[in-house]
C-alpha atoms as a PDB file:
ATOM      1  CA  MET A   1       0.019   0.021  -0.005  1.00  0.00           C
ATOM      2  CA  ASP A   2       1.395   3.334  -1.122  1.00  0.00           C
ATOM      3  CA  LYS A   3       0.376   6.394   0.902  1.00  0.00           C
ATOM      4  CA  GLN A   4       1.377  10.016   0.268  1.00  0.00           C
ATOM      5  CA  HIS A   5       0.171  13.552   0.999  1.00  0.00           C
ATOM      6  CA  LEU A   6      -0.212  15.790  -2.067  1.00  0.00           C
ATOM      7  CA  GLN A   7      -1.615  19.252  -2.809  1.00  0.00           C
ATOM      8  CA  PHE A   8      -4.810  19.373  -4.891  1.00  0.00           C
ATOM      9  CA  LYS A   9      -7.202  22.092  -5.976  1.00  0.00           C
ATOM     10  CA  LEU A  10     -10.897  21.366  -5.642  1.00  0.00           C
ATOM     11  CA  ARG A  11     -13.328  23.200  -7.867  1.00  0.00           C
ATOM     12  CA  GLN A  12     -17.128  22.707  -7.823  1.00  0.00           C
ATOM     13  CA  ASN A  13     -19.598  24.504 -10.109  1.00  0.00           C
ATOM     14  CA  VAL A  14     -23.209  24.256  -9.167  1.00  0.00           C
ATOM     15  CA  LYS A  15     -26.048  25.388 -11.476  1.00  0.00           C
ATOM     16  CA  MET A  16     -29.294  25.490  -9.640  1.00  0.00           C
ATOM     17  CA  ASN A  17     -32.439  27.690 -10.067  1.00  0.00           C
ATOM     18  CA  GLY A  18     -30.897  29.692 -12.934  1.00  0.00           C
ATOM     19  CA  GLU A  19     -27.760  30.666 -11.049  1.00  0.00           C
ATOM     20  CA  THR A  20     -24.175  29.269 -11.058  1.00  0.00           C
ATOM     21  CA  LYS A  21     -21.997  29.116  -7.938  1.00  0.00           C
ATOM     22  CA  THR A  22     -18.362  28.217  -7.940  1.00  0.00           C
ATOM     23  CA  PHE A  23     -16.552  26.860  -4.946  1.00  0.00           C
ATOM     24  CA  LYS A  24     -12.759  26.500  -4.898  1.00  0.00           C
ATOM     25  CA  GLN A  25     -10.453  25.125  -2.204  1.00  0.00           C
ATOM     26  CA  ASP A  26      -6.762  24.176  -1.885  1.00  0.00           C
ATOM     27  CA  LEU A  27      -6.404  20.860  -0.198  1.00  0.00           C
ATOM     28  CA  ASN A  28      -3.862  18.666   1.424  1.00  0.00           C
ATOM     29  CA  VAL A  29      -5.002  15.190   0.246  1.00  0.00           C
ATOM     30  CA  GLU A  30      -3.861  11.863   1.614  1.00  0.00           C
ATOM     31  CA  VAL A  31      -3.650   9.563  -1.457  1.00  0.00           C
ATOM     32  CA  ILE A  32      -3.709   5.823  -0.817  1.00  0.00           C
ATOM     33  CA  GLU A  33      -3.074   3.370  -3.628  1.00  0.00           C
ATOM     34  CA  ARG A  34      -4.593  -0.113  -3.302  1.00  0.00           C
ATOM     35  CA  LYS A  35      -6.566  -1.897  -5.956  1.00  0.00           C
ATOM     36  CA  ASP A  36      -8.425   1.410  -6.285  1.00  0.00           C
ATOM     37  CA  MET A  37      -7.157   4.952  -5.522  1.00  0.00           C
ATOM     38  CA  TYR A  38      -8.360   6.617  -2.355  1.00  0.00           C
ATOM     39  CA  TYR A  39      -8.283  10.398  -1.777  1.00  0.00           C
ATOM     40  CA  LYS A  40      -8.967  11.661   1.777  1.00  0.00           C
ATOM     41  CA  TYR A  41      -9.377  15.302   2.539  1.00  0.00           C
ATOM     42  CA  THR A  42     -11.395  17.840   4.601  1.00  0.00           C
ATOM     43  CA  GLU A  43     -13.781  20.127   2.844  1.00  0.00           C
ATOM     44  CA  LYS A  44     -14.776  23.406   4.387  1.00  0.00           C
ATOM     45  CA  LEU A  45     -18.446  24.395   4.165  1.00  0.00           C
ATOM     46  CA  ASP A  46     -19.006  27.725   5.886  1.00  0.00           C
ATOM     47  CA  GLU A  47     -17.784  27.178   9.469  1.00  0.00           C
ATOM     48  CA  HIS A  48     -18.071  23.403   9.233  1.00  0.00           C
ATOM     49  CA  GLU A  49     -15.516  20.750   8.195  1.00  0.00           C
ATOM     50  CA  ILE A  50     -16.594  17.697   6.316  1.00  0.00           C
ATOM     51  CA  ASP A  51     -14.463  14.567   6.027  1.00  0.00           C
ATOM     52  CA  VAL A  52     -14.360  13.312   2.452  1.00  0.00           C
ATOM     53  CA  THR A  53     -13.179  10.005   1.023  1.00  0.00           C
ATOM     54  CA  LEU A  54     -13.099   9.671  -2.697  1.00  0.00           C
ATOM     55  CA  ARG A  55     -12.594   6.194  -4.175  1.00  0.00           C
ATOM     56  CA  ALA A  56     -11.625   6.014  -7.821  1.00  0.00           C
ATOM     57  CA  GLY A  57     -12.002   2.488  -9.257  1.00  0.00           C
ATOM     58  CA  ASP A  58     -12.178   0.970 -12.704  1.00  0.00           C
ATOM     59  CA  GLY A  59     -14.902   3.031 -14.446  1.00  0.00           C
ATOM     60  CA  PHE A  60     -16.455   4.477 -11.294  1.00  0.00           C
ATOM     61  CA  VAL A  61     -15.916   7.078  -8.583  1.00  0.00           C
ATOM     62  CA  LYS A  62     -17.533   7.104  -5.098  1.00  0.00           C
ATOM     63  CA  ILE A  63     -17.576  10.208  -2.924  1.00  0.00           C
ATOM     64  CA  GLN A  64     -18.449   9.828   0.754  1.00  0.00           C
ATOM     65  CA  ARG A  65     -18.916  12.903   2.907  1.00  0.00           C
ATOM     66  CA  ARG A  66     -19.256  12.795   6.696  1.00  0.00           C
ATOM     67  CA  GLY A  67     -20.003  15.700   9.041  1.00  0.00           C
ATOM     68  CA  ILE A  68     -22.713  18.322   9.025  1.00  0.00           C
ATOM     69  CA  ILE A  69     -23.669  16.700   5.729  1.00  0.00           C
ATOM     70  CA  ASN A  70     -23.628  12.886   5.202  1.00  0.00           C
ATOM     71  CA  MET A  71     -23.793  11.481   1.680  1.00  0.00           C
ATOM     72  CA  ASN A  72     -22.644   8.738  -0.585  1.00  0.00           C
ATOM     73  CA  PHE A  73     -22.484   9.603  -4.238  1.00  0.00           C
ATOM     74  CA  TYR A  74     -21.668   6.950  -6.873  1.00  0.00           C
ATOM     75  CA  PHE A  75     -20.622   8.012 -10.374  1.00  0.00           C
ATOM     76  CA  GLU A  76     -20.436   5.785 -13.423  1.00  0.00           C
ATOM     77  CA  GLU A  77     -20.485   7.583 -16.807  1.00  0.00           C
ATOM     78  CA  GLY A  78     -23.784   7.193 -18.609  1.00  0.00           C
ATOM     79  CA  LYS A  79     -25.575   5.687 -15.642  1.00  0.00           C
ATOM     80  CA  THR A  80     -28.153   6.887 -13.153  1.00  0.00           C
ATOM     81  CA  THR A  81     -27.713   5.814  -9.512  1.00  0.00           C
ATOM     82  CA  ASP A  82     -29.750   6.242  -6.341  1.00  0.00           C
ATOM     83  CA  THR A  83     -28.210   8.045  -3.337  1.00  0.00           C
ATOM     84  CA  PHE A  84     -29.081   9.798  -0.135  1.00  0.00           C
ATOM     85  CA  TYR A  85     -28.089  13.224   1.231  1.00  0.00           C
ATOM     86  CA  GLU A  86     -28.506  13.949   5.024  1.00  0.00           C
ATOM     87  CA  SER A  87     -28.182  17.442   6.387  1.00  0.00           C
ATOM     88  CA  PRO A  88     -29.683  19.366   9.310  1.00  0.00           C
ATOM     89  CA  ALA A  89     -32.661  20.031   7.014  1.00  0.00           C
ATOM     90  CA  GLY A  90     -33.381  16.279   6.877  1.00  0.00           C
ATOM     91  CA  LYS A  91     -32.686  13.240   4.695  1.00  0.00           C
ATOM     92  CA  HIS A  92     -33.322  13.307   0.953  1.00  0.00           C
ATOM     93  CA  LEU A  93     -33.261  10.623  -1.617  1.00  0.00           C
ATOM     94  CA  PHE A  94     -31.818  11.653  -4.961  1.00  0.00           C
ATOM     95  CA  GLN A  95     -30.670  10.184  -8.248  1.00  0.00           C
ATOM     96  CA  ILE A  96     -27.413  11.112  -9.865  1.00  0.00           C
ATOM     97  CA  ARG A  97     -27.038  10.916 -13.660  1.00  0.00           C
ATOM     98  CA  THR A  98     -23.336  10.926 -14.550  1.00  0.00           C
ATOM     99  CA  ASN A  99     -22.891  12.796 -17.824  1.00  0.00           C
ATOM    100  CA  MET A 100     -19.089  12.749 -17.847  1.00  0.00           C
ATOM    101  CA  LEU A 101     -16.452  10.937 -15.820  1.00  0.00           C
ATOM    102  CA  ASP A 102     -12.767  11.491 -16.703  1.00  0.00           C
ATOM    103  CA  ARG A 103     -10.012  10.257 -14.530  1.00  0.00           C
ATOM    104  CA  ASN A 104      -6.315  10.447 -15.244  1.00  0.00           C
ATOM    105  CA  GLY A 105      -3.195  10.530 -13.098  1.00  0.00           C
ATOM    106  CA  SER A 106      -3.563  14.093 -12.012  1.00  0.00           C
ATOM    107  CA  SER A 107      -7.245  14.893 -11.936  1.00  0.00           C
ATOM    108  CA  ILE A 108     -10.767  13.541 -11.450  1.00  0.00           C
ATOM    109  CA  ASP A 109     -13.454  15.358 -13.447  1.00  0.00           C
ATOM    110  CA  ILE A 110     -17.133  14.698 -13.051  1.00  0.00           C
ATOM    111  CA  GLU A 111     -20.174  16.286 -14.576  1.00  0.00           C
ATOM    112  CA  TYR A 112     -23.559  15.141 -13.247  1.00  0.00           C
ATOM    113  CA  ASP A 113     -27.188  16.073 -12.752  1.00  0.00           C
ATOM    114  CA  LEU A 114     -28.903  15.842  -9.413  1.00  0.00           C
ATOM    115  CA  ILE A 115     -32.496  14.536  -9.758  1.00  0.00           C
ATOM    116  CA  GLU A 116     -35.295  14.527  -7.166  1.00  0.00           C
ATOM    117  CA  ASP A 117     -38.776  13.124  -7.856  1.00  0.00           C
ATOM    118  CA  GLY A 118     -37.926  12.651 -11.508  1.00  0.00           C
ATOM    119  CA  ARG A 119     -36.788  16.154 -12.302  1.00  0.00           C
ATOM    120  CA  VAL A 120     -33.273  17.698 -12.549  1.00  0.00           C
ATOM    121  CA  ILE A 121     -32.778  20.088  -9.641  1.00  0.00           C
ATOM    122  CA  GLY A 122     -29.134  20.946 -10.432  1.00  0.00           C
ATOM    123  CA  ASN A 123     -26.190  20.445 -12.744  1.00  0.00           C
ATOM    124  CA  TYR A 124     -22.794  19.943 -11.084  1.00  0.00           C
ATOM    125  CA  HIS A 125     -19.170  19.927 -12.180  1.00  0.00           C
ATOM    126  CA  TYR A 126     -16.617  18.474  -9.666  1.00  0.00           C
ATOM    127  CA  GLU A 127     -12.931  18.683 -10.396  1.00  0.00           C
ATOM    128  CA  LEU A 128     -10.129  17.536  -8.133  1.00  0.00           C
ATOM    129  CA  GLN A 129      -6.794  18.496  -9.712  1.00  0.00           C
ATOM    130  CA  LYS A 130      -3.292  17.721  -8.510  1.00  0.00           C
ATOM    131  CA  VAL A 131      -1.074  20.766  -8.110  1.00  0.00           C
ATOM    132  CA  GLY A 132       2.452  20.649  -9.638  1.00  0.00           C
END
């Protein structure tokens, strides 16, 4: 098992209700190489910290967040998957339609739609890019 700490940039674009928001964060990521690649980091959301584990496997990516928000998202290009999202506002069931999933040695790039009750409520772009 190979483990190292690397610098990454996280960029997330959210299109919801006709407006686009962009979130950027510089991260110190623990990268663990097993059969799959694991990326562990802490995301800041307002005054909260959320522990994130991203698992990149053969043709899929899973993102698990734990903290003020609890969620498990599963991405596989061209597929729609069921997921949950738990926050202080309550627990929601969503579907995720992965439109694009690109993974190479230095970045993970995902474009997806978040669907609730059969309708798209947001378009998302998640990019985790190694620095240097």
